[in-house]
Amino acid sequence: MNPFSSETRLRDMIRAIRACKTAAEERAVVRKECATIRASVSDSDNDYKHRNLAKLMFIHMLGYPTHFGQMECLKLIAAPGFPDKRIGYLGLMLLLDERQEVLMLVTNSLKQDLNHANQYIVGLALCALGNISSAEMARDLAPEVERLLLFRDPNIRKKAALCSIRIIKKVPDLAENFVNSAAALLKEKHHGVLLTGVQLCTDLCKVSAEALEYIRKRCTEGLVKVLKDVVNSPYVPEYDVSGIADPFLHIRLLRLLRVLGHGDADASDCMNDILAQVASKTESNKNAGNAILYECVETIMSIEDNSGLRVLAINILGRFLSNRDNNIRYVALNMLMRAITVDSQAVQRHRATILECVKESDASIRKRALELVYLLVNENNVKLLTKDLIDYLEISDQEFKGDLTARICSIVEKFSPEKIWYIDQMLQVLSEAGNYVKDEVWHALIVVISNASDLHGYTVRLLYRAVQKSVDQGVLVRVAVWCIGEYGDMLVNSVGTLAIEEPITVTESDTIDVIETAIKHHTSDLTTQAMCLIALLKLSCRFPSCSERIQDIIVQNKGSLVLELQQRSIEFNSIIQKHQNIRSALCERMPVLDESTYSVRRAGSLPAAASSLQASAVTLSNGVTKPNAAPLVDLLDLSSDDAPVPNPSHGNDFLHDLLGVDLSSGLSQAGTNQPQKSGTDALLDLLSIGTTPAPSNFSALDGLSLGQGADTTVSALAGLASTSTAIPATQPSPLVGSSPVLDLLNGFGPSEHIQEESVPAYPSIVAFESNNLKMTFNFSKQPGNLQSTHIEATFINKSSNVYSEFMFQAAVPKFLQLHLDPASSNTLPASGEGSITQKLRVTNSQHGKKSLVMRIRIAYKLNNEDVLEQGQISNFPHGL
């Protein structure tokens, strides 16, 4: 027999394909077989249509195109005999899907077969419709399927229920047609029909609120009875799985009860007893039993509050955590993360087990357990949990240290009860995994250290010990170098020694040794080396006897290939050699940084105006309450000229803080044409600030980065020069010719200066934010008119309701003039799907002396009720 004739049996073709040794041979066999099938398709009297279609299905499963055989499926479906219909429907389900237009041609055949006298043909049609039904087919054939839900044969009722699930998912509007029939299926004695009926009711409740109410009122008690019978049923081998009676029906019933009990106290009370019975009687040593217990816990957590049941459910999850199966532990951790929002006290009892999961070898369990531990932390257990996590940090895998370090730092910052504990824990983290700590974390640590004036000596001694043991931890070295540069004299003189400290003797030479080791270490990057140079410059004032050695170390970097280090070395060497009169001013100790301002900056924006007037203090992350930097203007007397003016050199200009130079005095003298006679004046002359106002692109945070040795090619002193040139170009500079210009770069300074006024770019701010509304301000200025500020206000609705008759009002003090343009609309769409914009123009008659301040009021109607929101805006960017 020709192996490629239409008379070839399916098994012969499979044998020929399996005998192929290469992919090319297989493609050749398939190509010849497809050609033979195409030839036989045109023969209307072919007796082997079912055999050809079977071959096409096998070829389709191998991944080859078989679209040319789709019409053969329809021809076989239309055939009168059961064997032809069976292979035709099978081909229809395999070769086509609901997106194929050819399905339109099979709707009529399906309708005829659903009404066929042969129940097996009816079953074939239901099976095909349940697998590939489109929305159009569902609408056309839904009445036939609904009728078959009451068919005499249970197998047909079971298939009709499964087909109904497909129909209501495709066309939810048809759900109401199946409610009564689906409820009737819940009283079935046949196991298969009951199982499919429960699933049909579950899907009906999800797509239709009316169906949910109907089934909740009519069927809840019956379902509880069915579940009780299943729980107490004797051993039935047919439905037994590993000694658990009918786990599949168990799970389906629990899922339906979960849907019915959610949000309904009466239904929840009705099922409390049976849920407790399932939770206590089901064995947990078999996988089927664990599946039932998991669904039972899900149901308990979803229905209305019952504290006793929830404690029982959480205890079950605690037992899951002790299971050897990683999958069971993972789902338990996921469920506990949801349960902690409901009953955190019950979850806290399993804290030790959860901590053990953090130490698991499985990466998924470790990460999920770490997230859960983070949620468990509160003021009462923060010290215990942090200690356990830091202890594990020492032995954790390298790939896990990053996540673990980030979580520990976040916990310490969020729940720190006192500054000394915060510093101790952060230094432990830096010592164990300093290379995994993000920049903003150690920046925040430096801010906290600078504010803890009574702990400066303790901190610098702690860092001195730590850096000698862990010089390869880059972030630890940076923090240590910064502290030694600032408080090196405290280290040598043992200032501020606490009772908990061990005595230590450190000489000036030992301190320089630490800096020299850090700058020469092979793991030190540009940032660390630049910070070392700054620390050496400061120590040259604190340790005059070591000035020559410090100068020798600094000079070693004059030939560095890195421009940043080379320029710093040249400038710092010039300061030590030639400019003794300003070195003490440059090397002064860094002023205290504003913790609240820095914390807000880390959050991404300046604080929105508070609608409440009671907030006069800020609670910091380390547990210390700090008063606001400037009080808000009295809301009832906003026109007062006594509005506070933010100090640009305090908390904003970190570069100024780093170098310890008061630039504000120099700027104010420049504005009044007063002769300058302080050390700051010499610094201004030294940097040639009086000759040309060099444009600057450095923000306050850039200044901080420069001061800490960030990866930029501009030196700290050059950054200082550009930061301090906020003198308007319209005012003549009194510094021109006041003194000869001193050159820090030994003749390599710029030959030309650009004397153009640039309009700086101002960041957008969140001016006001409440639970329902968010308002942002975007700023712009016109060149040559710095007194006027153009503001574009954007209002976004955060709620799910539309606001009508929206109106924005604002008031300013009398030194400001305000002009409001009409708003773009008076209706604010819901859920952030649109916005309202309104333009403002503010003219500041005391620009450069007083900052903008504004009182705002927003009125709108919500569900025909008047709503009024108001607040104070005092967080405008500096320079407006």
Foldseek 3Di string as FASTA:
>chain_A
DPCQALVHALVSLVVCLVPDPDPVSNVVSVVSNLVNLVVCVPVPPDPRLLRSLVNLLVVVVVPDDDVVCLVSLLVLLPDDDPVSVQSSLVSCLRNDAQVDPCVVVCLVSLQVQLVDPDVVSVLSSLVSLLRHPAQVSLVVCVVSLLVQCPPPDLVSVLSSLSSVLSSCVRPVVCLVVNLVSLLVQCPDPDPSSNLSSLVSLLSSVVSDVVSLVVCLVPPLLVLLVVLVCQQPPDDDPVQDDPNRGNLSSLLSSLSSLLSNQAPDPVSCVSNVVVLVVLLPPQDDPDPSSLSSLLSSLVSQLRGDDDPVVNLSSLVSLLVQLVDPDPVSVLVSLVVVVVCCVVPVPSNVVSLVSLLVQCQDPDPSSNLSSLVSVLVNDDLVCLVVSLVSLLVVLQVDDPVCNLVSLVSSLVSLLQRAAALVVSLVSVLSSLLRALQNDDPLSLVLVLLSQLVPVLCLLVNLLVLLVSCVVRVLRASSLLSNLLSCLQCVVCPQVVPNDDPPDDDDHDHLVNSLVSLLCNLPPPNHDQLSNLSSLSSLLLVCVVPVVCVVVSLVSLCVQCPPPQLQSNLSSLLSNCCSPPPVLLSCQQNHHFHNADSVLSVCVVVPFHDAFDLDQPPQWDQGSNGDIGGDPAHQDDPVCQQDPPGDADDCQHNWQRLCRLRNHDLVVVQVCQVVLHDDDGSVLLLCLQLVLLPAQAADDATNVNSNCQSSRHPDSAHSSSNVSNVSSPHDLVRHGNSVPPDHHHYSNVPPDDPDGDRDDDWDAFDKHFHHDDQFKTKIWGWDDDPPQLQKIKIKIKMFTQAQFKWAQKDKDKDHHPQKDKDWDDKPHRIHHHRRPDIIIIMMMMGGNPFPPHDTKMKMKIWTATPNHIDITIGIGDPGDPRD
